[in-house]
Amino acid sequence: MMGGMGQVVVRPFAALAVVGALAAALAACTPTGEGAEPDPTSTPRPSASGSASATPEPTPTEDPIVGEPVGVDCDQLVTPDVMYAYNPNFALLPEPTIDEGSDAAIAQEQKGLVCQWQNLTSNELLTVAVAKLPDEALTLQKNRAFGESTMVPTYGVEGYFTVADGVGEADAFDRDYWVSTRSSFYLEPGDAIDIVAASLAALP
């Protein structure tokens, strides 16, 4: 409003309006992103990545298939008379030496019987292992023998023979029994026939 002498008169409410507009403009220019001061009264939200993940329950495994005790001891399986007739220098060892992964080791794991004789002259070993197996385990051993050995009719039952590194191994399957015998004295299937026959005859 124009006053006297051409002076401009500013009313108080108009000045307050100008100050308010300037304050609003400054507030709009204040940064709210990176570099802004955090609000000390605010509560941080938990990160989703910090949540605990559920641990899956382990899947139960079935018990391994195992056989039954064969019900005879070493002197019954191959009697001293049979072994003497085979070779009088062989003596039964009180504890057999069993190689890991061998037929004897498998038979022992299946609650079978492992017997071992040592030649008193040459120290060579003769091992006989017997296991009484359920059908599935018996079929597994038959298939393994079929794949690794040669089928022979020598033992009067399903039989196999092989020689590796100068050591012969004979396998015979009768009913639910598996007989495996191994020795450097076995160079052909007939060399093991007396031991295999005696073992099969001794089984109940």
Protein backbone atom coordinates (compact mmCIF):
# COMPACT_ATOMS: atom_id res chain seq x y z
CA MET A 1 0.00 0.00 0.00
CA MET A 2 1.31 3.41 -0.87
CA GLY A 3 1.71 5.83 2.04
CA GLY A 4 2.33 9.41 1.97
CA MET A 5 5.39 10.81 0.18
CA GLY A 6 5.47 7.73 -2.11
CA GLN A 7 6.81 5.27 0.54
CA VAL A 8 5.96 1.55 0.45
CA VAL A 9 4.47 0.17 3.65
CA VAL A 10 5.01 -3.59 4.34
CA ARG A 11 2.43 -5.10 6.59
CA PRO A 12 3.65 -7.58 9.29
CA PHE A 13 1.67 -10.58 8.05
CA ALA A 14 3.20 -10.21 4.58
CA ALA A 15 6.74 -10.38 6.07
CA LEU A 16 5.87 -13.51 8.01
CA ALA A 17 4.59 -15.17 4.86
CA VAL A 18 7.90 -14.48 3.10
CA VAL A 19 9.95 -15.95 5.96
CA GLY A 20 7.77 -19.06 6.02
CA ALA A 21 8.22 -19.59 2.28
CA LEU A 22 12.02 -19.32 2.61
CA ALA A 23 12.07 -21.88 5.46
CA ALA A 24 10.00 -24.35 3.43
CA ALA A 25 12.37 -23.96 0.48
CA LEU A 26 15.43 -24.65 2.66
CA ALA A 27 13.80 -27.73 4.16
CA ALA A 28 13.12 -29.10 0.68
CA CYS A 29 16.82 -28.81 -0.16
CA THR A 30 18.01 -30.80 2.91
CA PRO A 31 19.48 -34.23 1.72
CA THR A 32 17.62 -37.29 2.94
CA GLY A 33 19.77 -40.01 1.30
CA GLU A 34 23.41 -40.99 1.86
CA GLY A 35 25.17 -38.64 4.30
CA ALA A 36 22.03 -37.61 6.17
CA GLU A 37 22.24 -37.74 9.96
CA PRO A 38 20.40 -40.80 11.34
CA ASP A 39 17.44 -40.29 13.58
CA PRO A 40 18.59 -41.36 17.06
CA THR A 41 15.03 -42.32 18.03
CA SER A 42 14.50 -44.70 15.11
CA THR A 43 14.75 -48.47 15.66
CA PRO A 44 16.60 -50.46 12.93
CA ARG A 45 14.67 -53.24 11.33
CA PRO A 46 16.21 -56.74 11.42
CA SER A 47 17.74 -57.90 8.15
CA ALA A 48 16.02 -60.74 6.37
CA SER A 49 19.39 -62.42 5.81
CA GLY A 50 19.87 -62.77 9.57
CA SER A 51 16.97 -65.16 9.97
CA ALA A 52 17.90 -68.74 10.86
CA SER A 53 17.34 -71.30 8.14
CA ALA A 54 15.75 -74.62 9.00
CA THR A 55 18.16 -77.59 9.08
CA PRO A 56 16.79 -80.56 7.10
CA GLU A 57 16.31 -83.75 9.05
CA PRO A 58 18.73 -86.57 8.06
CA THR A 59 17.19 -89.33 5.98
CA PRO A 60 17.18 -92.59 7.94
CA THR A 61 19.19 -95.38 6.34
CA GLU A 62 18.24 -99.03 6.25
CA ASP A 63 20.25 -101.56 8.19
CA PRO A 64 22.82 -103.35 6.02
CA ILE A 65 21.98 -106.87 4.91
CA VAL A 66 23.97 -109.30 7.03
CA GLY A 67 24.17 -113.05 7.14
CA GLU A 68 24.01 -115.61 9.91
CA PRO A 69 26.73 -117.48 11.80
CA VAL A 70 27.64 -120.68 9.97
CA GLY A 71 27.55 -122.86 13.09
CA VAL A 72 30.95 -124.60 12.73
CA ASP A 73 34.52 -123.79 13.73
CA CYS A 74 37.72 -124.07 11.71
CA ASP A 75 38.62 -127.60 12.86
CA GLN A 76 35.15 -128.73 11.77
CA LEU A 77 35.18 -126.82 8.48
CA VAL A 78 38.46 -128.37 7.32
CA THR A 79 39.46 -131.07 9.77
CA PRO A 80 43.12 -131.63 10.70
CA ASP A 81 42.99 -134.98 8.85
CA VAL A 82 41.75 -133.32 5.65
CA MET A 83 44.42 -130.63 5.85
CA TYR A 84 47.13 -133.18 6.62
CA ALA A 85 46.12 -135.20 3.58
CA TYR A 86 46.16 -132.03 1.51
CA ASN A 87 49.56 -130.87 2.76
CA PRO A 88 51.07 -131.97 6.11
CA ASN A 89 53.06 -128.74 6.43
CA PHE A 90 49.98 -126.55 6.94
CA ALA A 91 49.13 -125.46 10.49
CA LEU A 92 46.00 -123.61 11.58
CA LEU A 93 46.68 -120.06 12.76
CA PRO A 94 44.93 -118.84 15.93
CA GLU A 95 44.11 -115.49 14.30
CA PRO A 96 43.81 -115.03 10.52
CA THR A 97 45.35 -112.08 8.70
CA ILE A 98 42.53 -110.52 6.68
CA ASP A 99 43.18 -108.05 3.88
CA GLU A 100 40.79 -105.12 3.57
CA GLY A 101 38.27 -105.63 0.76
CA SER A 102 39.07 -109.33 0.36
CA ASP A 103 36.49 -112.11 0.26
CA ALA A 104 37.53 -113.03 3.79
CA ALA A 105 36.84 -109.47 4.96
CA ILE A 106 33.40 -109.51 3.31
CA ALA A 107 32.56 -112.90 4.86
CA GLN A 108 33.64 -111.70 8.29
CA GLU A 109 31.44 -108.59 7.96
CA GLN A 110 28.56 -110.94 7.16
CA LYS A 111 29.02 -112.86 10.45
CA GLY A 112 30.83 -115.60 8.58
CA LEU A 113 33.82 -117.76 9.49
CA VAL A 114 37.39 -117.10 8.36
CA CYS A 115 40.07 -119.77 8.83
CA GLN A 116 43.72 -119.54 7.81
CA TRP A 117 46.55 -122.03 7.65
CA GLN A 118 50.25 -121.33 7.18
CA ASN A 119 52.78 -123.54 5.50
CA LEU A 120 55.52 -124.18 8.04
CA THR A 121 58.16 -124.47 5.33
CA SER A 122 57.35 -121.63 2.94
CA ASN A 123 55.12 -119.46 5.21
CA GLU A 124 52.54 -119.32 2.39
CA LEU A 125 48.93 -118.96 3.52
CA LEU A 126 45.73 -120.83 2.73
CA THR A 127 42.51 -119.05 3.66
CA VAL A 128 38.95 -120.37 3.72
CA ALA A 129 36.03 -118.01 4.30
CA VAL A 130 32.41 -119.11 4.64
CA ALA A 131 29.27 -117.02 4.94
CA LYS A 132 25.58 -117.88 5.19
CA LEU A 133 23.81 -115.12 3.30
CA PRO A 134 20.28 -113.90 2.58
CA ASP A 135 19.20 -114.04 -1.05
CA GLU A 136 20.10 -110.48 -1.98
CA ALA A 137 23.62 -110.66 -0.52
CA LEU A 138 24.19 -114.12 -2.00
CA THR A 139 23.17 -112.93 -5.46
CA LEU A 140 25.54 -109.99 -5.11
CA GLN A 141 28.48 -112.31 -4.46
CA LYS A 142 27.48 -114.62 -7.30
CA ASN A 143 27.36 -111.71 -9.72
CA ARG A 144 30.72 -110.44 -8.51
CA ALA A 145 32.31 -113.89 -8.93
CA PHE A 146 30.76 -114.21 -12.39
CA GLY A 147 32.25 -110.87 -13.43
CA GLU A 148 35.70 -111.39 -11.94
CA SER A 149 36.30 -115.16 -12.32
CA THR A 150 35.67 -118.05 -14.68
CA MET A 151 32.77 -120.41 -14.03
CA VAL A 152 33.96 -124.02 -13.55
CA PRO A 153 32.10 -127.31 -12.97
CA THR A 154 34.88 -128.63 -10.73
CA TYR A 155 33.17 -128.25 -7.35
CA GLY A 156 29.82 -129.92 -8.11
CA VAL A 157 27.93 -126.68 -7.34
CA GLU A 158 27.97 -123.20 -8.86
CA GLY A 159 31.70 -122.56 -8.81
CA TYR A 160 34.26 -120.04 -10.04
CA PHE A 161 38.04 -119.89 -10.20
CA THR A 162 40.65 -117.28 -11.01
CA VAL A 163 44.39 -116.67 -10.58
CA ALA A 164 45.84 -113.20 -9.99
CA ASP A 165 49.47 -112.41 -9.17
CA GLY A 166 50.23 -116.08 -8.58
CA VAL A 167 47.40 -116.58 -6.08
CA GLY A 168 44.38 -118.71 -6.94
CA GLU A 169 40.91 -118.12 -5.61
CA ALA A 170 37.97 -120.52 -5.73
CA ASP A 171 34.34 -119.60 -4.99
CA ALA A 172 31.54 -122.11 -4.49
CA PHE A 173 27.85 -121.47 -3.83
CA ASP A 174 25.62 -124.14 -2.29
CA ARG A 175 22.15 -123.43 -0.89
CA ASP A 176 22.56 -120.14 1.00
CA TYR A 177 26.27 -120.65 1.66
CA TRP A 178 29.23 -118.99 0.01
CA VAL A 179 32.66 -120.63 0.31
CA SER A 180 35.73 -118.72 -0.82
CA THR A 181 39.24 -120.13 -0.52
CA ARG A 182 42.49 -118.50 -1.57
CA SER A 183 46.11 -119.66 -1.74
CA SER A 184 49.25 -119.50 -3.86
CA PHE A 185 49.00 -123.33 -3.88
CA TYR A 186 45.96 -122.99 -6.18
CA LEU A 187 47.20 -122.76 -9.74
CA GLU A 188 44.15 -124.38 -11.33
CA PRO A 189 40.60 -125.22 -10.19
CA GLY A 190 41.45 -128.80 -9.22
CA ASP A 191 44.08 -127.65 -6.72
CA ALA A 192 41.33 -126.34 -4.43
CA ILE A 193 38.83 -129.16 -4.86
CA ASP A 194 39.65 -131.04 -1.63
CA ILE A 195 39.39 -127.88 0.51
CA VAL A 196 36.16 -126.74 -1.17
CA ALA A 197 34.56 -130.20 -0.91
CA ALA A 198 35.46 -130.55 2.76
CA SER A 199 34.09 -127.08 3.53
CA LEU A 200 30.80 -127.67 1.75
CA ALA A 201 30.34 -131.05 3.45
CA ALA A 202 30.89 -129.56 6.89
CA LEU A 203 28.15 -126.95 6.56
CA PRO A 204 24.84 -127.82 8.29
